[in-house]
PDB file of N, CA and C in Angstrom:
ATOM      1  N   UNK A   1      21.662  43.244 -61.398  1.00  0.00           N
ATOM      2  CA  UNK A   1      21.636  41.868 -61.689  1.00  0.00           C
ATOM      3  C   UNK A   1      21.362  41.369 -59.998  1.00  0.00           C
ATOM      4  N   UNK A   2      20.504  40.191 -59.962  1.00  0.00           N
ATOM      5  CA  UNK A   2      20.131  39.721 -58.478  1.00  0.00           C
ATOM      6  C   UNK A   2      21.728  39.032 -57.813  1.00  0.00           C
ATOM      7  N   UNK A   3      21.858  38.919 -56.871  1.00  0.00           N
ATOM      8  CA  UNK A   3      22.947  38.436 -56.064  1.00  0.00           C
ATOM      9  C   UNK A   3      22.781  37.033 -56.027  1.00  0.00           C
ATOM     10  N   UNK A   4      23.585  36.249 -55.206  1.00  0.00           N
ATOM     11  CA  UNK A   4      23.389  34.838 -55.005  1.00  0.00           C
ATOM     12  C   UNK A   4      22.329  34.427 -54.233  1.00  0.00           C
ATOM     13  N   UNK A   5      22.203  35.292 -52.769  1.00  0.00           N
ATOM     14  CA  UNK A   5      21.158  35.185 -52.038  1.00  0.00           C
ATOM     15  C   UNK A   5      19.749  35.196 -52.782  1.00  0.00           C
ATOM     16  N   UNK A   6      19.801  36.436 -53.440  1.00  0.00           N
ATOM     17  CA  UNK A   6      18.450  36.679 -54.080  1.00  0.00           C
ATOM     18  C   UNK A   6      18.334  35.360 -54.994  1.00  0.00           C
ATOM     19  N   UNK A   7      19.230  34.901 -55.866  1.00  0.00           N
ATOM     20  CA  UNK A   7      18.924  34.177 -56.427  1.00  0.00           C
ATOM     21  C   UNK A   7      18.472  32.590 -55.587  1.00  0.00           C
ATOM     22  N   UNK A   8      19.125  32.253 -54.625  1.00  0.00           N
ATOM     23  CA  UNK A   8      18.908  31.178 -53.767  1.00  0.00           C
ATOM     24  C   UNK A   8      17.446  31.289 -53.436  1.00  0.00           C
ATOM     25  N   UNK A   9      17.048  32.458 -52.851  1.00  0.00           N
ATOM     26  CA  UNK A   9      15.807  32.572 -52.532  1.00  0.00           C
ATOM     27  C   UNK A   9      14.626  32.498 -53.313  1.00  0.00           C
ATOM     28  N   UNK A  10      15.124  32.767 -54.558  1.00  0.00           N
ATOM     29  CA  UNK A  10      14.198  32.530 -55.853  1.00  0.00           C
ATOM     30  C   UNK A  10      13.844  31.150 -56.008  1.00  0.00           C
ATOM     31  N   UNK A  11      14.881  30.518 -55.908  1.00  0.00           N
ATOM     32  CA  UNK A  11      14.947  29.301 -56.578  1.00  0.00           C
ATOM     33  C   UNK A  11      14.149  28.377 -55.507  1.00  0.00           C
ATOM     34  N   UNK A  12      14.221  28.713 -53.998  1.00  0.00           N
ATOM     35  CA  UNK A  12      13.486  27.855 -52.958  1.00  0.00           C
ATOM     36  C   UNK A  12      12.250  28.663 -52.945  1.00  0.00           C
ATOM     37  N   UNK A  13      11.705  29.546 -53.450  1.00  0.00           N
ATOM     38  CA  UNK A  13      10.378  29.958 -53.672  1.00  0.00           C
ATOM     39  C   UNK A  13       9.800  29.231 -54.693  1.00  0.00           C
ATOM     40  N   UNK A  14      10.684  28.925 -55.681  1.00  0.00           N
ATOM     41  CA  UNK A  14       9.757  28.323 -56.894  1.00  0.00           C
ATOM     42  C   UNK A  14       9.675  26.860 -56.495  1.00  0.00           C
ATOM     43  N   UNK A  15      10.750  26.275 -55.781  1.00  0.00           N
ATOM     44  CA  UNK A  15      10.704  24.783 -55.310  1.00  0.00           C
ATOM     45  C   UNK A  15       9.424  24.925 -54.412  1.00  0.00           C
ATOM     46  N   UNK A  16       9.038  25.743 -53.207  1.00  0.00           N
ATOM     47  CA  UNK A  16       7.833  25.591 -52.527  1.00  0.00           C
ATOM     48  C   UNK A  16       6.724  25.370 -53.421  1.00  0.00           C
ATOM     49  N   UNK A  17       6.525  26.647 -54.584  1.00  0.00           N
ATOM     50  CA  UNK A  17       5.527  26.748 -55.206  1.00  0.00           C
ATOM     51  C   UNK A  17       5.272  25.618 -56.303  1.00  0.00           C
ATOM     52  N   UNK A  18       6.278  24.690 -56.494  1.00  0.00           N
ATOM     53  CA  UNK A  18       6.424  23.736 -57.301  1.00  0.00           C
ATOM     54  C   UNK A  18       5.594  22.401 -56.514  1.00  0.00           C
ATOM     55  N   UNK A  19       6.276  22.486 -55.330  1.00  0.00           N
ATOM     56  CA  UNK A  19       5.627  21.287 -54.460  1.00  0.00           C
ATOM     57  C   UNK A  19       4.167  21.397 -54.213  1.00  0.00           C
ATOM     58  N   UNK A  20       3.482  22.797 -53.832  1.00  0.00           N
ATOM     59  CA  UNK A  20       2.414  23.053 -53.779  1.00  0.00           C
ATOM     60  C   UNK A  20       1.624  22.474 -54.784  1.00  0.00           C
ATOM     61  N   UNK A  21       1.890  22.918 -56.234  1.00  0.00           N
ATOM     62  CA  UNK A  21       1.441  22.538 -57.366  1.00  0.00           C
ATOM     63  C   UNK A  21       1.339  21.073 -57.511  1.00  0.00           C
ATOM     64  N   UNK A  22       2.311  20.393 -57.296  1.00  0.00           N
ATOM     65  CA  UNK A  22       1.905  19.055 -57.376  1.00  0.00           C
ATOM     66  C   UNK A  22       1.249  18.536 -56.345  1.00  0.00           C
ATOM     67  N   UNK A  23       1.143  19.066 -55.012  1.00  0.00           N
ATOM     68  CA  UNK A  23       0.031  18.706 -54.138  1.00  0.00           C
ATOM     69  C   UNK A  23      -1.433  18.979 -54.651  1.00  0.00           C
ATOM     70  N   UNK A  24      -1.440  19.998 -55.256  1.00  0.00           N
ATOM     71  CA  UNK A  24      -2.830  20.256 -55.895  1.00  0.00           C
ATOM     72  C   UNK A  24      -3.146  19.513 -56.766  1.00  0.00           C
ATOM     73  N   UNK A  25      -2.082  18.986 -57.672  1.00  0.00           N
ATOM     74  CA  UNK A  25      -2.653  18.003 -58.737  1.00  0.00           C
ATOM     75  C   UNK A  25      -2.996  16.706 -58.021  1.00  0.00           C
ATOM     76  N   UNK A  26      -2.165  16.372 -57.038  1.00  0.00           N
ATOM     77  CA  UNK A  26      -2.642  15.027 -56.380  1.00  0.00           C
ATOM     78  C   UNK A  26      -4.115  14.882 -55.779  1.00  0.00           C
ATOM     79  N   UNK A  27      -4.161  15.981 -55.168  1.00  0.00           N
ATOM     80  CA  UNK A  27      -5.584  16.244 -54.629  1.00  0.00           C
ATOM     81  C   UNK A  27      -6.715  16.521 -55.390  1.00  0.00           C
ATOM     82  N   UNK A  28      -6.770  16.942 -56.827  1.00  0.00           N
ATOM     83  CA  UNK A  28      -7.548  17.096 -57.721  1.00  0.00           C
ATOM     84  C   UNK A  28      -7.698  15.665 -57.937  1.00  0.00           C
ATOM     85  N   UNK A  29      -6.783  14.776 -58.396  1.00  0.00           N
ATOM     86  CA  UNK A  29      -6.817  13.558 -58.797  1.00  0.00           C
ATOM     87  C   UNK A  29      -7.742  12.500 -58.000  1.00  0.00           C
ATOM     88  N   UNK A  30      -7.275  12.839 -56.545  1.00  0.00           N
ATOM     89  CA  UNK A  30      -8.157  12.258 -55.600  1.00  0.00           C
ATOM     90  C   UNK A  30      -9.498  12.448 -55.303  1.00  0.00           C
ATOM     91  N   UNK A  31      -9.963  13.785 -55.728  1.00  0.00           N
ATOM     92  CA  UNK A  31     -11.035  14.028 -55.893  1.00  0.00           C
ATOM     93  C   UNK A  31     -12.079  13.607 -57.147  1.00  0.00           C
ATOM     94  N   UNK A  32     -11.395  13.369 -58.232  1.00  0.00           N
ATOM     95  CA  UNK A  32     -12.073  12.802 -59.310  1.00  0.00           C
ATOM     96  C   UNK A  32     -11.943  11.659 -58.960  1.00  0.00           C
ATOM     97  N   UNK A  33     -11.348  10.816 -58.452  1.00  0.00           N
ATOM     98  CA  UNK A  33     -11.406   9.220 -57.966  1.00  0.00           C
ATOM     99  C   UNK A  33     -12.553   9.159 -56.929  1.00  0.00           C
ATOM    100  N   UNK A  34     -12.644  10.020 -55.972  1.00  0.00           N
ATOM    101  CA  UNK A  34     -13.881   9.994 -55.284  1.00  0.00           C
ATOM    102  C   UNK A  34     -15.378  10.165 -55.871  1.00  0.00           C
ATOM    103  N   UNK A  35     -15.300  11.273 -56.697  1.00  0.00           N
ATOM    104  CA  UNK A  35     -16.520  11.195 -57.418  1.00  0.00           C
ATOM    105  C   UNK A  35     -17.085  10.405 -58.370  1.00  0.00           C
ATOM    106  N   UNK A  36     -15.802   9.606 -58.912  1.00  0.00           N
ATOM    107  CA  UNK A  36     -16.007   8.509 -59.757  1.00  0.00           C
ATOM    108  C   UNK A  36     -16.506   7.311 -58.857  1.00  0.00           C
ATOM    109  N   UNK A  37     -15.968   7.204 -57.721  1.00  0.00           N
ATOM    110  CA  UNK A  37     -16.406   6.193 -57.066  1.00  0.00           C
ATOM    111  C   UNK A  37     -17.662   6.396 -56.472  1.00  0.00           C
ATOM    112  N   UNK A  38     -18.328   7.760 -56.226  1.00  0.00           N
ATOM    113  CA  UNK A  38     -19.559   8.104 -55.702  1.00  0.00           C
ATOM    114  C   UNK A  38     -20.487   7.735 -56.872  1.00  0.00           C
ATOM    115  N   UNK A  39     -19.928   8.129 -58.113  1.00  0.00           N
ATOM    116  CA  UNK A  39     -21.282   7.768 -59.248  1.00  0.00           C
ATOM    117  C   UNK A  39     -21.732   6.603 -59.428  1.00  0.00           C
ATOM    118  N   UNK A  40     -20.274   5.630 -59.580  1.00  0.00           N
ATOM    119  CA  UNK A  40     -20.221   4.347 -59.424  1.00  0.00           C
ATOM    120  C   UNK A  40     -21.494   3.589 -58.486  1.00  0.00           C
ATOM    121  N   UNK A  41     -21.137   4.020 -56.995  1.00  0.00           N
ATOM    122  CA  UNK A  41     -22.214   3.365 -55.952  1.00  0.00           C
ATOM    123  C   UNK A  41     -23.764   3.837 -56.251  1.00  0.00           C
ATOM    124  N   UNK A  42     -23.704   4.881 -56.723  1.00  0.00           N
ATOM    125  CA  UNK A  42     -24.941   5.518 -57.161  1.00  0.00           C
ATOM    126  C   UNK A  42     -25.806   4.432 -58.011  1.00  0.00           C
ATOM    127  N   UNK A  43     -24.983   4.357 -59.175  1.00  0.00           N
ATOM    128  CA  UNK A  43     -25.389   3.679 -60.346  1.00  0.00           C
ATOM    129  C   UNK A  43     -25.861   2.235 -60.349  1.00  0.00           C
ATOM    130  N   UNK A  44     -24.644   1.588 -59.485  1.00  0.00           N
ATOM    131  CA  UNK A  44     -24.358   0.286 -59.508  1.00  0.00           C
ATOM    132  C   UNK A  44     -25.527  -0.333 -58.168  1.00  0.00           C
ATOM    133  N   UNK A  45     -25.191   0.071 -56.941  1.00  0.00           N
ATOM    134  CA  UNK A  45     -26.008   0.003 -55.938  1.00  0.00           C
ATOM    135  C   UNK A  45     -26.749   1.142 -55.550  1.00  0.00           C
ATOM    136  N   UNK A  46     -28.071   0.777 -55.381  1.00  0.00           N
ATOM    137  CA  UNK A  46     -29.238   1.543 -54.572  1.00  0.00           C
ATOM    138  C   UNK A  46     -29.156   1.455 -53.296  1.00  0.00           C
ATOM    139  N   UNK A  47     -28.107   0.951 -52.515  1.00  0.00           N
ATOM    140  CA  UNK A  47     -27.865   0.649 -51.250  1.00  0.00           C
ATOM    141  C   UNK A  47     -27.143   1.551 -50.458  1.00  0.00           C
ATOM    142  N   UNK A  48     -26.588   2.663 -51.010  1.00  0.00           N
ATOM    143  CA  UNK A  48     -25.920   3.653 -50.530  1.00  0.00           C
ATOM    144  C   UNK A  48     -27.101   4.534 -49.524  1.00  0.00           C
ATOM    145  N   UNK A  49     -26.378   4.836 -48.405  1.00  0.00           N
ATOM    146  CA  UNK A  49     -27.587   5.343 -47.623  1.00  0.00           C
ATOM    147  C   UNK A  49     -27.213   6.975 -47.656  1.00  0.00           C
ATOM    148  N   UNK A  50     -28.060   7.727 -47.416  1.00  0.00           N
ATOM    149  CA  UNK A  50     -27.891   9.307 -47.496  1.00  0.00           C
ATOM    150  C   UNK A  50     -26.944   9.714 -46.558  1.00  0.00           C
ATOM    151  N   UNK A  51     -26.559   9.025 -45.402  1.00  0.00           N
ATOM    152  CA  UNK A  51     -25.504   9.479 -44.560  1.00  0.00           C
ATOM    153  C   UNK A  51     -24.170   9.147 -44.927  1.00  0.00           C
ATOM    154  N   UNK A  52     -24.202   8.076 -46.257  1.00  0.00           N
ATOM    155  CA  UNK A  52     -22.820   7.750 -46.880  1.00  0.00           C
ATOM    156  C   UNK A  52     -22.769   8.928 -47.958  1.00  0.00           C
ATOM    157  N   UNK A  53     -23.967   9.392 -48.489  1.00  0.00           N
ATOM    158  CA  UNK A  53     -23.792  10.109 -49.304  1.00  0.00           C
ATOM    159  C   UNK A  53     -23.242  11.357 -49.171  1.00  0.00           C
ATOM    160  N   UNK A  54     -23.911  12.101 -47.772  1.00  0.00           N
ATOM    161  CA  UNK A  54     -23.813  13.193 -47.370  1.00  0.00           C
ATOM    162  C   UNK A  54     -22.098  13.139 -46.791  1.00  0.00           C
ATOM    163  N   UNK A  55     -21.371  12.173 -46.140  1.00  0.00           N
ATOM    164  CA  UNK A  55     -20.385  12.082 -45.876  1.00  0.00           C
ATOM    165  C   UNK A  55     -19.265  12.288 -46.901  1.00  0.00           C
ATOM    166  N   UNK A  56     -19.616  11.797 -48.224  1.00  0.00           N
ATOM    167  CA  UNK A  56     -18.678  11.873 -49.128  1.00  0.00           C
ATOM    168  C   UNK A  56     -18.782  13.031 -49.813  1.00  0.00           C
ATOM    169  N   UNK A  57     -19.801  13.849 -49.575  1.00  0.00           N
ATOM    170  CA  UNK A  57     -19.932  15.200 -50.277  1.00  0.00           C
ATOM    171  C   UNK A  57     -19.386  16.011 -49.344  1.00  0.00           C
ATOM    172  N   UNK A  58     -19.136  15.929 -47.883  1.00  0.00           N
ATOM    173  CA  UNK A  58     -18.919  16.806 -47.237  1.00  0.00           C
ATOM    174  C   UNK A  58     -17.155  16.801 -47.415  1.00  0.00           C
ATOM    175  N   UNK A  59     -16.850  15.517 -47.394  1.00  0.00           N
ATOM    176  CA  UNK A  59     -15.474  15.260 -47.754  1.00  0.00           C
ATOM    177  C   UNK A  59     -14.842  16.178 -49.042  1.00  0.00           C
ATOM    178  N   UNK A  60     -15.715  15.936 -49.873  1.00  0.00           N
ATOM    179  CA  UNK A  60     -15.214  16.380 -51.368  1.00  0.00           C
ATOM    180  C   UNK A  60     -15.343  17.896 -51.206  1.00  0.00           C
ATOM    181  N   UNK A  61     -16.581  18.649 -50.480  1.00  0.00           N
ATOM    182  CA  UNK A  61     -16.310  20.130 -49.961  1.00  0.00           C
ATOM    183  C   UNK A  61     -15.279  20.583 -49.338  1.00  0.00           C
ATOM    184  N   UNK A  62     -14.804  19.646 -48.210  1.00  0.00           N
ATOM    185  CA  UNK A  62     -13.494  20.214 -47.490  1.00  0.00           C
ATOM    186  C   UNK A  62     -12.521  20.089 -48.499  1.00  0.00           C
ATOM    187  N   UNK A  63     -12.038  19.157 -49.370  1.00  0.00           N
ATOM    188  CA  UNK A  63     -10.964  19.070 -50.073  1.00  0.00           C
ATOM    189  C   UNK A  63     -11.067  20.109 -51.071  1.00  0.00           C
ATOM    190  N   UNK A  64     -12.278  20.624 -51.812  1.00  0.00           N
ATOM    191  CA  UNK A  64     -12.200  21.737 -52.777  1.00  0.00           C
ATOM    192  C   UNK A  64     -11.973  22.911 -51.957  1.00  0.00           C
ATOM    193  N   UNK A  65     -12.286  22.921 -50.739  1.00  0.00           N
ATOM    194  CA  UNK A  65     -12.077  24.362 -49.947  1.00  0.00           C
ATOM    195  C   UNK A  65     -10.450  24.261 -49.637  1.00  0.00           C
ATOM    196  N   UNK A  66      -9.925  23.287 -49.342  1.00  0.00           N
ATOM    197  CA  UNK A  66      -8.627  23.107 -49.184  1.00  0.00           C
ATOM    198  C   UNK A  66      -7.795  23.525 -50.695  1.00  0.00           C
ATOM    199  N   UNK A  67      -8.157  22.871 -51.700  1.00  0.00           N
ATOM    200  CA  UNK A  67      -7.706  23.291 -52.977  1.00  0.00           C
ATOM    201  C   UNK A  67      -7.815  24.957 -53.229  1.00  0.00           C
ATOM    202  N   UNK A  68      -9.145  25.440 -53.128  1.00  0.00           N
ATOM    203  CA  UNK A  68      -9.130  26.728 -53.205  1.00  0.00           C
ATOM    204  C   UNK A  68      -8.142  27.790 -52.393  1.00  0.00           C
ATOM    205  N   UNK A  69      -8.118  27.264 -50.893  1.00  0.00           N
ATOM    206  CA  UNK A  69      -7.230  27.919 -50.328  1.00  0.00           C
ATOM    207  C   UNK A  69      -5.525  27.998 -50.645  1.00  0.00           C
ATOM    208  N   UNK A  70      -5.236  26.474 -51.235  1.00  0.00           N
ATOM    209  CA  UNK A  70      -3.782  26.661 -51.641  1.00  0.00           C
ATOM    210  C   UNK A  70      -3.782  27.440 -52.880  1.00  0.00           C
ATOM    211  N   UNK A  71      -4.820  27.278 -53.617  1.00  0.00           N
ATOM    212  CA  UNK A  71      -4.717  28.145 -54.960  1.00  0.00           C
ATOM    213  C   UNK A  71      -4.545  29.639 -54.879  1.00  0.00           C
ATOM    214  N   UNK A  72      -5.339  29.760 -53.730  1.00  0.00           N
ATOM    215  CA  UNK A  72      -5.258  31.526 -53.239  1.00  0.00           C
ATOM    216  C   UNK A  72      -3.696  31.903 -52.448  1.00  0.00           C
ATOM    217  N   UNK A  73      -3.126  30.832 -51.975  1.00  0.00           N
ATOM    218  CA  UNK A  73      -1.850  31.174 -51.175  1.00  0.00           C
ATOM    219  C   UNK A  73      -0.748  31.002 -52.344  1.00  0.00           C
ATOM    220  N   UNK A  74      -1.074  30.531 -53.709  1.00  0.00           N
ATOM    221  CA  UNK A  74       0.152  30.559 -54.619  1.00  0.00           C
ATOM    222  C   UNK A  74      -0.584  31.669 -55.529  1.00  0.00           C
ATOM    223  N   UNK A  75      -1.497  32.587 -55.293  1.00  0.00           N
ATOM    224  CA  UNK A  75      -1.636  33.477 -56.092  1.00  0.00           C
ATOM    225  C   UNK A  75      -2.561  33.529 -57.218  1.00  0.00           C
ATOM    226  N   UNK A  76      -3.329  32.315 -57.402  1.00  0.00           N
ATOM    227  CA  UNK A  76      -3.863  32.013 -58.624  1.00  0.00           C
ATOM    228  C   UNK A  76      -5.456  32.318 -58.463  1.00  0.00           C
TER     229      UNK A  76
END
């Protein structure tokens, strides 16, 4: 049977994991919104420059890398 220190550590570990998962969910929602805005810009206005598209794509790429790193950290 785990002692109180082990239980406390387990709860703290779970809390950290829960916070990371919440952060991942928020990051995913941000990525979806960025993607939606980019699609809207491309369909509504043809005045989006290649530089702007590349900038947004790089931002999304960086966020996806962060998302994958966080998933790796929590063992998924």
